[in-house]
Protein backbone atom coordinates (compact mmCIF):
# COMPACT_ATOMS: atom_id res chain seq x y z
CA MET A 1 0.00 0.00 0.00
CA ALA A 2 1.39 3.36 -1.05
CA ASN A 3 2.18 6.31 1.25
CA ILE A 4 2.69 4.28 4.42
CA LEU A 5 5.73 5.66 6.21
CA ARG A 6 8.00 3.47 8.34
CA GLN A 7 5.89 0.40 7.66
CA ARG A 8 7.89 -1.91 9.91
CA ASP A 9 7.14 0.34 12.89
CA ILE A 10 3.51 -0.69 12.37
CA ILE A 11 4.08 -4.34 11.52
CA ASP A 12 7.01 -6.45 10.36
CA ARG A 13 5.51 -9.29 8.33
CA ARG A 14 8.76 -11.25 8.24
CA SER A 15 8.95 -11.24 12.03
CA LEU A 16 5.28 -12.18 12.21
CA ALA A 17 5.88 -15.12 9.86
CA GLU A 18 8.69 -16.33 12.09
CA GLU A 19 6.52 -16.01 15.20
CA LEU A 20 3.67 -17.96 13.58
CA ALA A 21 6.01 -20.70 12.39
CA GLN A 22 7.60 -20.96 15.83
CA ALA A 23 4.19 -21.11 17.51
CA ILE A 24 3.26 -24.07 15.31
CA ALA A 25 6.62 -25.77 15.92
CA ASP A 26 6.27 -25.40 19.69
CA SER A 27 2.75 -26.81 19.78
CA SER A 28 1.45 -30.34 19.48
CA ALA A 29 -1.93 -29.03 18.33
CA PRO A 30 -3.03 -29.08 14.66
CA ALA A 31 -1.25 -26.50 12.50
CA LEU A 32 -4.32 -24.29 12.06
CA ASP A 33 -5.47 -24.45 15.66
CA ARG A 34 -6.78 -21.00 16.58
CA ARG A 35 -5.35 -21.29 20.08
CA VAL A 36 -1.86 -21.55 18.55
CA LEU A 37 -2.08 -18.83 15.90
CA LEU A 38 -4.19 -16.18 17.59
CA PRO A 39 -1.73 -15.02 20.30
CA PRO A 40 1.02 -13.83 17.88
CA LEU A 41 -1.58 -12.38 15.49
CA LYS A 42 -3.38 -10.48 18.22
CA ALA A 43 -0.07 -9.25 19.66
CA ALA A 44 0.94 -7.92 16.23
CA LEU A 45 -2.45 -6.20 15.92
CA ALA A 46 -2.05 -4.55 19.34
CA ARG A 47 1.45 -3.29 18.55
CA GLY A 48 0.36 -1.92 15.19
CA GLN A 49 -2.73 -0.27 16.65
CA ALA A 50 -0.64 1.41 19.32
CA GLU A 51 1.78 2.84 16.75
CA ILE A 52 -1.03 4.09 14.49
CA ARG A 53 -2.74 5.76 17.42
CA ARG A 54 0.51 7.37 18.57
CA ARG A 55 0.99 8.88 15.11
CA PHE A 56 -2.62 10.07 14.90
CA GLU A 57 -2.52 11.77 18.28
CA ALA A 58 0.78 13.43 17.38
CA ASP A 59 -0.58 15.26 14.33
CA GLY A 60 -4.29 14.45 13.97
CA THR A 61 -4.01 13.19 10.39
CA ALA A 62 -7.02 10.90 10.10
CA ALA A 63 -6.61 10.21 6.38
CA ARG A 64 -3.23 8.66 7.08
CA ALA A 65 -4.47 6.76 10.13
CA VAL A 66 -7.25 4.96 8.22
CA ARG A 67 -4.79 4.03 5.44
CA GLU A 68 -2.34 2.71 8.04
CA GLN A 69 -5.09 0.70 9.71
CA SER A 70 -5.93 -0.90 6.36
CA PHE A 71 -2.25 -1.63 5.80
CA LEU A 72 -1.96 -3.30 9.20
CA VAL A 73 -4.92 -5.59 8.51
CA ASP A 74 -3.56 -6.36 5.03
CA GLN A 75 -0.30 -7.55 6.52
CA LEU A 76 -2.02 -9.72 9.12
CA ILE A 77 -4.20 -11.41 6.50
CA ARG A 78 -1.28 -11.85 4.11
CA GLY A 79 0.93 -13.26 6.84
CA LEU A 80 -1.72 -15.81 7.72
CA TYR A 81 -2.35 -16.65 4.04
CA ASP A 82 1.38 -17.12 3.36
CA LEU A 83 1.67 -19.43 6.35
CA VAL A 84 -1.17 -21.63 5.13
CA THR A 85 -0.23 -21.72 1.43
CA GLU A 86 3.55 -22.03 1.87
CA ARG A 87 3.93 -24.12 5.03
CA VAL A 88 0.69 -25.85 6.01
CA TYR A 89 -1.07 -26.61 2.69
CA PRO A 90 1.48 -25.90 -0.06
CA LEU A 91 0.37 -26.51 -3.64
CA ALA A 92 3.06 -26.32 -6.31
CA ASN A 93 0.83 -26.32 -9.39
CA PRO A 94 -2.70 -25.23 -8.52
CA THR A 95 -5.40 -25.88 -11.09
CA ALA A 96 -7.73 -23.14 -12.32
CA GLY A 97 -10.32 -24.27 -9.79
CA GLU A 98 -7.87 -23.85 -6.91
CA LYS A 99 -6.85 -20.25 -7.61
CA MET A 100 -8.92 -18.28 -5.12
CA ALA A 101 -8.66 -14.70 -3.93
CA ILE A 102 -9.43 -12.95 -0.67
CA VAL A 103 -10.92 -9.53 -1.35
CA ALA A 104 -11.21 -6.61 1.04
CA VAL A 105 -14.61 -4.91 0.76
CA GLY A 106 -16.34 -2.03 2.49
CA GLY A 107 -14.21 0.67 4.08
CA TYR A 108 -11.35 -1.78 4.29
CA GLY A 109 -11.54 -2.33 0.54
CA ARG A 110 -11.29 1.43 -0.03
CA GLY A 111 -8.22 1.63 2.20
CA GLU A 112 -10.25 3.61 4.74
CA LEU A 113 -10.48 1.52 7.89
CA ALA A 114 -11.35 3.29 11.13
CA PRO A 115 -9.60 2.05 14.30
CA PHE A 116 -12.37 -0.33 15.44
CA SER A 117 -14.37 -0.82 12.26
CA ASP A 118 -15.43 -4.23 10.99
CA VAL A 119 -13.01 -6.04 8.70
CA ASP A 120 -15.03 -7.33 5.75
CA LEU A 121 -13.51 -10.15 3.73
CA LEU A 122 -14.86 -11.83 0.63
CA PHE A 123 -13.54 -15.21 -0.51
CA LEU A 124 -13.75 -15.48 -4.31
CA LEU A 125 -13.66 -18.98 -5.75
CA PRO A 126 -13.14 -19.54 -9.49
CA TYR A 127 -15.86 -22.18 -9.86
CA LYS A 128 -16.82 -24.36 -6.93
CA GLN A 129 -15.32 -25.39 -3.63
CA THR A 130 -12.40 -27.82 -3.83
CA PRO A 131 -10.60 -29.57 -0.96
CA HIS A 132 -7.75 -27.08 -1.29
CA THR A 133 -9.92 -23.95 -1.32
CA GLU A 134 -11.92 -25.41 1.57
CA GLN A 135 -8.70 -25.58 3.58
CA LEU A 136 -7.82 -22.02 2.64
CA SER A 137 -11.29 -20.86 3.57
CA ASN A 138 -10.49 -21.91 7.13
CA LEU A 139 -8.58 -18.64 7.18
CA CYS A 140 -11.97 -17.01 7.63
CA SER A 141 -12.57 -18.57 11.03
CA ILE A 142 -9.02 -17.83 12.16
CA SER A 143 -9.12 -14.22 10.97
CA TYR A 144 -12.44 -13.77 12.76
CA GLY A 145 -10.69 -14.58 16.01
CA ILE A 146 -8.11 -11.83 15.54
CA TRP A 147 -10.79 -9.17 15.98
CA ALA A 148 -13.64 -10.96 17.71
CA GLU A 149 -12.15 -10.60 21.19
CA GLY A 150 -11.04 -7.28 22.61
CA ARG A 151 -12.57 -5.03 19.96
CA ALA A 152 -15.99 -4.38 18.49
CA GLY A 153 -15.24 -5.60 15.01
CA ASP A 154 -15.36 -8.86 13.13
CA ALA A 155 -14.30 -10.52 9.93
CA LEU A 156 -17.18 -11.17 7.58
CA GLY A 157 -16.14 -14.00 5.29
CA ARG A 158 -18.35 -14.90 2.36
CA ARG A 159 -17.44 -17.60 -0.12
CA VAL A 160 -18.71 -16.55 -3.53
CA PRO A 161 -17.96 -18.18 -6.90
CA ALA A 162 -16.41 -15.31 -8.83
CA LEU A 163 -18.29 -15.97 -12.05
CA ARG A 164 -21.71 -16.73 -10.64
CA GLN A 165 -24.02 -13.88 -11.69
CA GLY A 166 -21.28 -11.32 -11.05
CA ARG A 167 -22.76 -10.65 -7.63
CA TYR A 168 -19.66 -10.12 -5.54
CA ASP A 169 -20.11 -6.36 -5.17
CA ASP A 170 -23.80 -6.76 -4.32
CA SER A 171 -22.82 -8.65 -1.18
CA HIS A 172 -21.86 -5.34 0.39
CA ARG A 173 -23.19 -1.82 0.04
CA ASP A 174 -19.85 -0.47 -1.12
CA PRO A 175 -19.40 -1.39 -4.81
CA GLY A 176 -16.25 -3.26 -5.68
CA GLY A 177 -13.33 -4.33 -3.58
CA ALA A 178 -9.56 -4.52 -3.46
CA LEU A 179 -7.45 -7.64 -3.68
CA CYS A 180 -6.18 -8.46 -0.23
CA VAL A 181 -4.26 -11.60 -1.13
CA GLY A 182 -4.43 -14.53 -3.52
CA ARG A 183 -4.93 -14.84 -7.26
CA ALA A 184 -5.67 -11.55 -9.00
CA GLY A 185 -7.28 -13.43 -11.89
CA ALA A 186 -10.24 -14.43 -9.72
CA LEU A 187 -10.93 -10.78 -8.88
CA ARG A 188 -10.53 -9.67 -12.50
CA ARG A 189 -13.03 -12.29 -13.67
CA ALA A 190 -15.50 -11.15 -11.02
CA GLU A 191 -15.07 -7.50 -12.00
CA ASN A 192 -15.61 -8.35 -15.67
CA ALA A 193 -18.80 -10.22 -14.78
CA VAL A 194 -20.01 -7.22 -12.79
CA ARG A 195 -19.28 -4.85 -15.68
CA SER A 196 -21.25 -7.10 -18.03
CA ARG A 197 -24.20 -6.99 -15.66
CA ASP A 198 -23.85 -3.23 -15.17
CA ARG A 199 -24.16 -2.60 -18.89
CA ALA A 200 -27.75 -3.78 -18.60
CA ARG A 201 -28.48 -1.35 -15.78
CA THR A 202 -28.88 2.35 -16.55
CA ALA A 203 -27.24 5.13 -14.57
CA ALA A 204 -30.69 6.37 -13.59
CA GLN A 205 -31.55 3.00 -12.06
CA PHE A 206 -28.30 2.93 -10.11
CA VAL A 207 -28.77 6.48 -8.80
CA GLU A 208 -32.37 5.75 -7.83
CA ALA A 209 -31.30 2.65 -5.89
CA LYS A 210 -28.53 4.50 -4.07
CA LEU A 211 -30.77 7.41 -3.11
CA ALA A 212 -33.44 5.02 -1.83
CA GLU A 213 -30.77 3.28 0.24
CA ARG A 214 -29.67 6.66 1.59
CA ASP A 215 -33.22 7.68 2.53
CA ALA A 216 -33.79 4.39 4.36
CA ARG A 217 -30.55 4.87 6.28
CA HIS A 218 -31.52 8.41 7.28
CA GLN A 219 -34.87 7.19 8.57
CA ARG A 220 -33.11 4.54 10.63
CA VAL A 221 -30.63 6.86 12.38
CA GLY A 222 -32.69 10.07 12.44
CA ASP A 223 -33.73 12.04 9.36
CA SER A 224 -32.35 15.41 10.46
CA ARG A 225 -29.05 17.28 10.34
CA TYR A 226 -29.72 18.62 13.83
CA GLN A 227 -29.48 15.52 16.00
CA LEU A 228 -28.37 16.08 19.59
CA GLU A 229 -26.08 13.05 19.22
CA PRO A 230 -25.32 12.94 15.47
CA ASN A 231 -24.00 9.78 13.85
CA VAL A 232 -20.90 10.94 11.96
CA LYS A 233 -20.94 7.85 9.74
CA GLU A 234 -24.58 7.01 8.98
CA GLY A 235 -26.40 10.26 9.78
CA LYS A 236 -27.54 12.94 7.35
CA GLY A 237 -24.47 14.80 6.11
CA GLY A 238 -22.16 12.11 7.48
CA LEU A 239 -19.42 10.05 5.88
CA ARG A 240 -21.83 7.59 4.26
CA ASP A 241 -23.52 10.44 2.40
CA LEU A 242 -20.15 11.52 0.99
CA HIS A 243 -19.47 7.91 -0.01
CA THR A 244 -22.86 7.72 -1.73
CA LEU A 245 -22.02 10.80 -3.79
CA PHE A 246 -18.73 9.27 -4.77
CA TRP A 247 -20.27 5.89 -5.68
CA ILE A 248 -22.79 7.62 -7.93
CA THR A 249 -20.15 9.66 -9.74
CA LYS A 250 -17.85 6.65 -9.94
CA TYR A 251 -20.61 4.64 -11.59
CA ILE A 252 -21.63 7.35 -14.04
CA TYR A 253 -18.19 8.69 -14.98
CA ARG A 254 -16.10 5.52 -14.43
CA ILE A 255 -13.56 7.26 -12.17
CA ASP A 256 -11.70 6.31 -9.01
CA ASP A 257 -10.70 9.77 -7.78
CA VAL A 258 -13.01 12.66 -6.83
CA ALA A 259 -10.40 15.12 -8.10
CA LYS A 260 -11.03 13.87 -11.65
CA LEU A 261 -14.50 15.38 -11.48
CA VAL A 262 -12.85 18.78 -11.69
CA GLU A 263 -11.16 17.81 -14.94
CA LEU A 264 -14.52 16.63 -16.27
CA GLY A 265 -16.21 19.87 -15.27
CA VAL A 266 -18.65 18.14 -12.90
CA LEU A 267 -17.25 19.92 -9.83
CA SER A 268 -15.40 23.20 -9.50
CA ALA A 269 -12.01 23.24 -7.80
CA GLU A 270 -13.63 24.94 -4.80
CA GLU A 271 -16.37 22.30 -4.55
CA SER A 272 -13.81 19.50 -4.73
CA ALA A 273 -11.77 21.14 -1.97
CA ARG A 274 -14.89 21.46 0.20
CA PHE A 275 -15.62 17.78 -0.33
CA GLU A 276 -12.09 16.88 0.81
CA ARG A 277 -12.27 19.17 3.86
CA ALA A 278 -15.61 17.74 4.92
CA GLN A 279 -14.36 14.18 4.57
CA SER A 280 -11.15 14.96 6.47
CA PHE A 281 -13.09 16.58 9.33
CA LEU A 282 -15.53 13.69 9.64
CA TRP A 283 -12.74 11.11 9.55
CA THR A 284 -10.88 12.98 12.29
CA VAL A 285 -13.96 13.08 14.53
CA ARG A 286 -14.68 9.41 13.85
CA CYS A 287 -11.14 8.29 14.73
CA HIS A 288 -11.25 10.24 18.00
CA LEU A 289 -14.62 8.67 18.85
CA HIS A 290 -13.27 5.16 18.27
CA TYR A 291 -10.17 5.74 20.38
CA LEU A 292 -12.09 7.42 23.21
CA ALA A 293 -14.68 4.64 23.41
CA GLY A 294 -12.33 1.73 22.72
CA ARG A 295 -14.86 0.39 20.24
CA ALA A 296 -16.64 1.30 16.99
CA GLU A 297 -18.54 4.35 18.26
CA GLU A 298 -20.08 6.55 15.53
CA ARG A 299 -22.23 8.91 17.59
CA LEU A 300 -20.92 12.25 18.80
CA ARG A 301 -22.20 12.18 22.35
CA SER A 302 -21.84 14.55 25.30
CA THR A 303 -20.13 11.76 27.22
CA CYS A 304 -18.09 9.02 25.61
CA LYS A 305 -16.98 6.66 28.36
CA PRO A 306 -14.46 4.03 27.36
CA ARG A 307 -15.43 0.45 28.05
CA SER A 308 -12.93 -2.15 29.16
CA ALA A 309 -10.24 -2.04 26.51
CA PRO A 310 -6.64 -3.12 25.97
CA PRO A 311 -3.89 -0.70 27.13
CA TRP A 312 -3.29 0.69 23.65
CA ALA A 313 -6.94 1.84 23.51
CA THR A 314 -6.66 4.03 26.66
CA PRO A 315 -7.29 7.73 25.88
CA THR A 316 -4.12 9.79 25.95
CA GLY A 317 -2.88 13.13 24.69
CA PRO A 318 -5.23 15.17 22.47
CA ALA A 319 -7.95 12.50 22.63
CA ARG A 320 -8.08 12.74 26.45
CA ALA A 321 -8.33 16.52 26.20
CA ALA A 322 -11.25 16.13 23.81
CA SER A 323 -13.06 13.87 26.28
CA ASN A 324 -12.74 16.59 28.95
CA GLY A 325 -14.66 19.00 26.74
CA SER A 326 -11.73 21.09 25.45
């Protein structure tokens, strides 16, 4: 992942690989026993989280923090995948039906993962389940354990044949995804299938569906901009509304960067800058909320008491000052 400074200060995948291999060697349990693999994985997560939080509280750069959080999770998943495919279940010449991919979707797929947000994973299978891909899919249950204890997030693993109806992006509200690890060909085939399906759906239909989804979400969390305890993610004017705008323009104009809308004349330079400032502000507030609460907290409340949390989730520095009303 680009623009991640001093990556090994967050996580050293080589060291993690050595720790995982040693944990297996020192245990008489089966190689993929969660009780063996989870301690080094969870320790690496805690160290990385602590470093990301330290950086965020030093300069308040939320855009970098959410990229670093995505990078940290990437490395954990890749380290686990490498262990399974290279040491536990190696396969020298996989067939076409054994070339699977693990795709990051949702905020994680965009490279925008808040400190305690859910980690959404999608397992793409070329055709149908094989004994080898079934073994690899056990990664889902192991990865779930990394986040299931000690934080309010989880790994959502779905096993979807990549070519079946091109539905992989419909399994999550955020269209598309990013290859986390595995065979890129499986993701490309899925994307091609989705594009074929999309050609039969007009832009008007897509926009109508997205706006209906937005209206339903607003009704669920409070259909007003003037909530006493606004939800900075799902509420009216929150991050999800900005994402909806981007998804609509991405679908219509086939772009991946909001700044390109200026080149196309859809937005003025001033409007694009306002979009970026709004997103940066909301991300900063959201990161502070997560760190203060020690969980995925999206509401800006008058009191935000931390629940029982690991030491690296204890409010310090600027975040503590914010909790005292400054």
